[in-house]
Protein backbone atom coordinates (compact mmCIF):
# COMPACT_ATOMS: atom_id res chain seq x y z
CA MET A 1 -16.51 -8.18 5.05
CA TYR A 2 -14.27 -6.51 7.64
CA ALA A 3 -11.66 -6.91 6.05
CA ALA A 4 -13.28 -6.27 2.55
CA ALA A 5 -14.43 -2.62 4.31
CA ASN A 6 -11.02 -1.80 5.60
CA ARG A 7 -9.15 -2.24 2.26
CA ARG A 8 -11.79 0.01 0.42
CA VAL A 9 -10.81 2.50 3.60
CA VAL A 10 -6.93 1.91 3.14
CA GLN A 11 -7.45 2.43 -1.04
CA ARG A 12 -9.19 5.45 0.03
CA MET A 13 -6.89 7.29 2.21
CA LEU A 14 -4.32 6.18 -0.14
CA GLU A 15 -5.54 8.07 -3.31
CA THR A 16 -6.31 11.14 -0.87
CA CYS A 17 -2.99 11.47 0.17
CA ARG A 18 -1.88 11.05 -3.58
CA LYS A 19 -4.52 13.23 -4.54
CA ASP A 20 -3.98 16.14 -2.44
CA GLY A 21 -0.32 15.87 -1.74
CA GLY A 22 -0.47 14.50 1.39
CA VAL A 23 1.22 12.23 3.82
CA LEU A 24 0.22 8.77 5.28
CA LEU A 25 2.42 7.61 8.22
CA VAL A 26 2.61 3.91 8.67
CA GLN A 27 4.65 1.56 10.40
CA PRO A 28 6.48 -1.27 8.91
CA GLU A 29 5.02 -4.09 10.37
CA HIS A 30 1.00 -2.77 9.76
CA LEU A 31 2.18 -2.79 6.42
CA LEU A 32 3.35 -6.76 6.83
CA SER A 33 0.53 -7.72 8.46
CA PHE A 34 -1.74 -6.00 4.82
CA LYS A 35 0.77 -8.06 2.74
CA LEU A 36 0.30 -10.96 4.90
CA MET A 37 -3.41 -10.75 4.91
CA GLY A 38 -3.35 -10.00 1.16
CA LEU A 39 -1.23 -13.38 1.06
CA GLN A 40 -3.72 -15.43 3.40
CA ARG A 41 -6.94 -14.31 1.13
CA ARG A 42 -5.31 -15.24 -2.24
CA TRP A 43 -4.44 -18.61 -0.63
CA THR A 44 -7.86 -19.53 0.82
CA ASP A 45 -9.54 -17.57 -2.31
CA LYS A 46 -8.37 -19.70 -4.80
CA THR A 47 -11.37 -19.77 -6.85
CA SER A 48 -12.13 -16.15 -7.25
CA ALA A 49 -9.41 -14.79 -9.65
CA SER A 50 -10.24 -11.37 -8.53
CA GLY A 51 -11.22 -12.07 -5.01
CA LEU A 52 -10.25 -9.85 -1.65
CA GLY A 53 -6.82 -11.29 -1.56
CA LYS A 54 -6.07 -9.91 -5.25
CA GLN A 55 -6.94 -6.56 -4.27
CA ILE A 56 -5.22 -5.97 -1.10
CA LEU A 57 -2.02 -7.18 -2.52
CA ASN A 58 -2.56 -5.45 -5.40
CA THR A 59 -3.33 -2.13 -3.00
CA TYR A 60 -0.05 -3.09 -0.91
CA ARG A 61 1.59 -3.24 -4.02
CA GLU A 62 0.38 1.03 -4.56
CA PHE A 63 1.77 1.30 -1.44
CA GLU A 64 5.46 -0.30 -2.22
CA THR A 65 5.17 1.96 -4.99
CA SER A 66 4.84 5.25 -3.44
CA LEU A 67 7.13 4.51 -0.82
CA GLY A 68 9.90 3.75 -4.37
CA THR A 69 8.92 7.07 -5.19
CA LEU A 70 9.10 8.96 -2.02
CA TRP A 71 12.29 7.44 -1.07
CA THR A 72 13.34 8.24 -4.72
CA ARG A 73 12.70 12.08 -3.86
CA VAL A 74 14.59 11.96 -0.41
CA THR A 75 17.44 10.76 -1.89
CA ARG A 76 18.01 13.04 -5.22
CA THR A 77 17.43 16.00 -2.61
CA SER A 78 19.64 14.66 -0.22
CA ALA A 79 22.17 14.47 -3.25
CA SER A 80 21.41 17.87 -4.49
CA SER A 81 21.39 19.35 -1.21
CA SER A 82 25.03 18.25 -0.48
CA SER A 83 26.83 19.32 -3.40
């Protein structure tokens, strides 16, 4: 129950930041821990195809997508400013 509540909190923070154009600072170790928690849940909850592990990993993928988009913007901005 604790992990499910935490996943919902993280998901809401990510959605709020995306909607409001905010910034969510996350340490790489915490992202890795979040991903590993999802993998562990997936492994232990083999009977549930839509279980908590899958939800955690989906949220983690949203982080990866957001980070990739941000990195692309930063590199484009720095490349155009150096021209």
